[in-house]
Amino acid sequence: MNKHEAILKLNPNIVTIRGEVAYDKDENEVTYDKDAVEALIASEAYKDLRASEYPSIQDQLDMQYWDKINGTNHWETLISQVKTKYPKGQ
């Protein structure tokens, strides 16, 4: 999640952001809690980190197919390693 996404998620009245300044629908400047924005970004960072290490969906499906055929659990092991490396909410 990037900064603009976090600002918009926390402040539904904000419709435009230019640089660090946020505006409502009437182009009035809106003050937002920068600490809350940073906290939300930090709490969601694990998602981007996990996504960067997961194989593509096609590769994951192929792994699951071959795990079923061969009685292995390579897919489960790989996904568990990534989830352990980047725990939710850390």
N, C-alpha and C. Protein backbone atom coordinates (compact mmCIF):
# COMPACT_ATOMS: atom_id res chain seq x y z
N MET A 1 0.85 -1.17 0.00
CA MET A 1 0.00 0.00 0.00
C MET A 1 0.90 1.24 0.00
N ASN A 2 0.58 2.15 -0.90
CA ASN A 2 1.38 3.38 -0.94
C ASN A 2 0.70 4.47 -0.10
N LYS A 3 1.37 5.59 0.01
CA LYS A 3 0.90 6.66 0.89
C LYS A 3 -0.46 7.20 0.46
N HIS A 4 -0.65 7.42 -0.82
CA HIS A 4 -1.93 7.95 -1.29
C HIS A 4 -3.07 6.96 -1.03
N GLU A 5 -2.82 5.69 -1.24
CA GLU A 5 -3.84 4.68 -0.95
C GLU A 5 -4.22 4.70 0.53
N ALA A 6 -3.22 4.82 1.39
CA ALA A 6 -3.48 4.85 2.83
C ALA A 6 -4.27 6.09 3.23
N ILE A 7 -3.90 7.23 2.68
CA ILE A 7 -4.62 8.47 2.99
C ILE A 7 -6.09 8.33 2.59
N LEU A 8 -6.33 7.81 1.38
CA LEU A 8 -7.71 7.67 0.91
C LEU A 8 -8.50 6.65 1.72
N LYS A 9 -7.84 5.58 2.12
CA LYS A 9 -8.53 4.56 2.91
C LYS A 9 -8.95 5.10 4.28
N LEU A 10 -8.10 5.89 4.88
CA LEU A 10 -8.38 6.42 6.21
C LEU A 10 -9.28 7.65 6.20
N ASN A 11 -9.41 8.29 5.04
CA ASN A 11 -10.15 9.55 4.96
C ASN A 11 -11.08 9.55 3.75
N PRO A 12 -12.26 8.98 3.87
CA PRO A 12 -13.16 8.86 2.72
C PRO A 12 -13.62 10.20 2.15
N ASN A 13 -13.47 11.29 2.91
CA ASN A 13 -13.87 12.60 2.40
C ASN A 13 -12.82 13.20 1.46
N ILE A 14 -11.64 12.62 1.42
CA ILE A 14 -10.59 13.12 0.54
C ILE A 14 -10.79 12.51 -0.84
N VAL A 15 -10.75 13.38 -1.86
CA VAL A 15 -10.92 12.88 -3.23
C VAL A 15 -9.72 13.16 -4.12
N THR A 16 -8.87 14.09 -3.72
CA THR A 16 -7.70 14.45 -4.52
C THR A 16 -6.50 14.64 -3.60
N ILE A 17 -5.35 14.18 -4.07
CA ILE A 17 -4.10 14.40 -3.33
C ILE A 17 -3.08 14.91 -4.34
N ARG A 18 -2.49 16.05 -4.02
CA ARG A 18 -1.42 16.60 -4.86
C ARG A 18 -0.21 16.80 -3.96
N GLY A 19 0.80 15.98 -4.20
CA GLY A 19 1.97 16.00 -3.33
C GLY A 19 1.59 15.50 -1.96
N GLU A 20 1.75 16.33 -0.96
CA GLU A 20 1.41 15.99 0.42
C GLU A 20 0.09 16.61 0.86
N VAL A 21 -0.57 17.34 -0.04
CA VAL A 21 -1.77 18.08 0.32
C VAL A 21 -3.00 17.33 -0.20
N ALA A 22 -4.00 17.18 0.68
CA ALA A 22 -5.23 16.47 0.34
C ALA A 22 -6.40 17.45 0.26
N TYR A 23 -7.36 17.11 -0.63
CA TYR A 23 -8.50 17.99 -0.85
C TYR A 23 -9.80 17.19 -0.86
N ASP A 24 -10.88 17.85 -0.43
CA ASP A 24 -12.19 17.22 -0.51
C ASP A 24 -12.81 17.51 -1.88
N LYS A 25 -14.07 17.12 -2.04
CA LYS A 25 -14.73 17.27 -3.35
C LYS A 25 -14.88 18.73 -3.78
N ASP A 26 -14.86 19.65 -2.81
CA ASP A 26 -14.99 21.07 -3.11
C ASP A 26 -13.64 21.77 -3.23
N GLU A 27 -12.56 20.97 -3.27
CA GLU A 27 -11.19 21.49 -3.37
C GLU A 27 -10.74 22.23 -2.11
N ASN A 28 -11.40 21.95 -0.98
CA ASN A 28 -10.93 22.48 0.30
C ASN A 28 -9.82 21.58 0.81
N GLU A 29 -8.78 22.19 1.34
CA GLU A 29 -7.68 21.41 1.90
C GLU A 29 -8.15 20.64 3.14
N VAL A 30 -7.75 19.38 3.21
CA VAL A 30 -8.14 18.51 4.32
C VAL A 30 -6.88 18.09 5.07
N THR A 31 -6.91 18.24 6.39
CA THR A 31 -5.81 17.80 7.22
C THR A 31 -6.03 16.32 7.56
N TYR A 32 -4.98 15.52 7.47
CA TYR A 32 -5.09 14.10 7.80
C TYR A 32 -3.98 13.73 8.77
N ASP A 33 -4.18 12.64 9.47
CA ASP A 33 -3.25 12.17 10.49
C ASP A 33 -2.10 11.42 9.82
N LYS A 34 -0.96 12.06 9.72
CA LYS A 34 0.20 11.47 9.04
C LYS A 34 0.72 10.24 9.78
N ASP A 35 0.63 10.25 11.10
CA ASP A 35 1.08 9.09 11.87
C ASP A 35 0.19 7.88 11.60
N ALA A 36 -1.12 8.11 11.48
CA ALA A 36 -2.04 7.02 11.18
C ALA A 36 -1.78 6.47 9.79
N VAL A 37 -1.46 7.34 8.86
CA VAL A 37 -1.14 6.91 7.49
C VAL A 37 0.11 6.02 7.50
N GLU A 38 1.15 6.46 8.18
CA GLU A 38 2.39 5.67 8.25
C GLU A 38 2.15 4.34 8.96
N ALA A 39 1.33 4.35 10.00
CA ALA A 39 1.03 3.11 10.73
C ALA A 39 0.28 2.12 9.83
N LEU A 40 -0.66 2.62 9.04
CA LEU A 40 -1.40 1.74 8.12
C LEU A 40 -0.47 1.16 7.06
N ILE A 41 0.40 1.97 6.51
CA ILE A 41 1.35 1.50 5.51
C ILE A 41 2.23 0.40 6.10
N ALA A 42 2.73 0.63 7.30
CA ALA A 42 3.59 -0.36 7.96
C ALA A 42 2.84 -1.65 8.24
N SER A 43 1.57 -1.54 8.67
CA SER A 43 0.81 -2.74 9.00
C SER A 43 0.43 -3.56 7.77
N GLU A 44 0.45 -2.93 6.60
CA GLU A 44 0.08 -3.62 5.36
C GLU A 44 1.31 -4.02 4.52
N ALA A 45 2.50 -3.66 4.97
CA ALA A 45 3.71 -3.90 4.17
C ALA A 45 3.96 -5.37 3.87
N TYR A 46 3.54 -6.25 4.78
CA TYR A 46 3.77 -7.68 4.57
C TYR A 46 3.15 -8.17 3.27
N LYS A 47 2.05 -7.57 2.85
CA LYS A 47 1.36 -8.01 1.63
C LYS A 47 2.25 -7.84 0.40
N ASP A 48 2.87 -6.67 0.28
CA ASP A 48 3.75 -6.42 -0.87
C ASP A 48 4.99 -7.30 -0.80
N LEU A 49 5.53 -7.49 0.40
CA LEU A 49 6.72 -8.32 0.54
C LEU A 49 6.41 -9.77 0.17
N ARG A 50 5.28 -10.27 0.63
CA ARG A 50 4.89 -11.64 0.26
C ARG A 50 4.67 -11.76 -1.24
N ALA A 51 3.95 -10.81 -1.80
CA ALA A 51 3.63 -10.87 -3.23
C ALA A 51 4.88 -10.89 -4.09
N SER A 52 5.92 -10.21 -3.64
CA SER A 52 7.16 -10.17 -4.43
C SER A 52 7.90 -11.51 -4.42
N GLU A 53 7.61 -12.35 -3.44
CA GLU A 53 8.30 -13.65 -3.33
C GLU A 53 7.46 -14.83 -3.77
N TYR A 54 6.15 -14.67 -3.83
CA TYR A 54 5.31 -15.77 -4.29
C TYR A 54 5.55 -16.03 -5.77
N PRO A 55 5.54 -17.30 -6.17
CA PRO A 55 5.56 -17.58 -7.61
C PRO A 55 4.26 -17.10 -8.25
N SER A 56 4.24 -17.02 -9.57
CA SER A 56 3.01 -16.62 -10.26
C SER A 56 1.90 -17.61 -9.93
N ILE A 57 0.67 -17.20 -10.12
CA ILE A 57 -0.47 -18.08 -9.87
C ILE A 57 -0.37 -19.33 -10.76
N GLN A 58 0.06 -19.15 -12.00
CA GLN A 58 0.20 -20.30 -12.90
C GLN A 58 1.21 -21.30 -12.34
N ASP A 59 2.33 -20.80 -11.85
CA ASP A 59 3.35 -21.68 -11.28
C ASP A 59 2.84 -22.35 -10.00
N GLN A 60 2.08 -21.61 -9.20
CA GLN A 60 1.53 -22.21 -7.98
C GLN A 60 0.54 -23.33 -8.31
N LEU A 61 -0.31 -23.10 -9.30
CA LEU A 61 -1.25 -24.14 -9.70
C LEU A 61 -0.53 -25.37 -10.24
N ASP A 62 0.53 -25.15 -10.99
CA ASP A 62 1.32 -26.26 -11.51
C ASP A 62 1.96 -27.04 -10.35
N MET A 63 2.47 -26.31 -9.36
CA MET A 63 3.06 -26.97 -8.19
C MET A 63 2.01 -27.80 -7.45
N GLN A 64 0.81 -27.25 -7.32
CA GLN A 64 -0.26 -27.97 -6.62
C GLN A 64 -0.64 -29.24 -7.40
N TYR A 65 -0.70 -29.13 -8.71
CA TYR A 65 -1.02 -30.30 -9.53
C TYR A 65 0.01 -31.40 -9.30
N TRP A 66 1.30 -31.03 -9.42
CA TRP A 66 2.35 -32.04 -9.28
C TRP A 66 2.46 -32.55 -7.85
N ASP A 67 2.17 -31.71 -6.88
CA ASP A 67 2.12 -32.20 -5.50
C ASP A 67 1.04 -33.27 -5.35
N LYS A 68 -0.10 -33.06 -5.95
CA LYS A 68 -1.19 -34.04 -5.86
C LYS A 68 -0.81 -35.33 -6.58
N ILE A 69 -0.22 -35.21 -7.75
CA ILE A 69 0.18 -36.39 -8.53
C ILE A 69 1.27 -37.18 -7.80
N ASN A 70 2.25 -36.47 -7.24
CA ASN A 70 3.42 -37.12 -6.64
C ASN A 70 3.31 -37.33 -5.13
N GLY A 71 2.23 -36.87 -4.52
CA GLY A 71 2.09 -37.02 -3.08
C GLY A 71 3.09 -36.18 -2.30
N THR A 72 3.45 -35.04 -2.86
CA THR A 72 4.42 -34.15 -2.19
C THR A 72 3.69 -32.91 -1.67
N ASN A 73 4.43 -32.04 -1.01
CA ASN A 73 3.83 -30.79 -0.51
C ASN A 73 4.76 -29.59 -0.74
N HIS A 74 5.37 -29.53 -1.92
CA HIS A 74 6.31 -28.45 -2.24
C HIS A 74 5.63 -27.08 -2.20
N TRP A 75 4.40 -27.00 -2.74
CA TRP A 75 3.69 -25.72 -2.76
C TRP A 75 3.43 -25.24 -1.33
N GLU A 76 2.91 -26.12 -0.50
CA GLU A 76 2.59 -25.75 0.88
C GLU A 76 3.85 -25.30 1.62
N THR A 77 4.94 -25.99 1.41
CA THR A 77 6.20 -25.63 2.06
C THR A 77 6.67 -24.24 1.63
N LEU A 78 6.62 -23.98 0.32
CA LEU A 78 7.06 -22.70 -0.20
C LEU A 78 6.21 -21.56 0.33
N ILE A 79 4.90 -21.72 0.29
CA ILE A 79 4.00 -20.67 0.76
C ILE A 79 4.19 -20.44 2.26
N SER A 80 4.35 -21.50 3.02
CA SER A 80 4.56 -21.37 4.47
C SER A 80 5.85 -20.63 4.78
N GLN A 81 6.90 -20.87 3.99
CA GLN A 81 8.17 -20.17 4.20
C GLN A 81 8.01 -18.67 3.99
N VAL A 82 7.29 -18.29 2.94
CA VAL A 82 7.08 -16.87 2.67
C VAL A 82 6.23 -16.24 3.77
N LYS A 83 5.17 -16.92 4.19
CA LYS A 83 4.31 -16.38 5.25
C LYS A 83 5.07 -16.26 6.57
N THR A 84 5.96 -17.18 6.85
CA THR A 84 6.76 -17.10 8.06
C THR A 84 7.77 -15.97 7.99
N LYS A 85 8.35 -15.78 6.81
CA LYS A 85 9.35 -14.71 6.61
C LYS A 85 8.73 -13.33 6.77
N TYR A 86 7.48 -13.19 6.28
CA TYR A 86 6.78 -11.91 6.35
C TYR A 86 5.44 -12.12 7.06
N PRO A 87 5.42 -12.16 8.38
CA PRO A 87 4.19 -12.40 9.11
C PRO A 87 3.16 -11.29 8.92
N LYS A 88 1.93 -11.64 9.02
CA LYS A 88 0.83 -10.69 8.86
C LYS A 88 0.91 -9.62 9.94
N GLY A 89 0.79 -8.36 9.47
CA GLY A 89 0.74 -7.25 10.41
C GLY A 89 2.05 -6.86 11.03
N GLN A 90 3.16 -7.32 10.48
CA GLN A 90 4.46 -6.97 11.05
C GLN A 90 5.14 -5.93 10.20
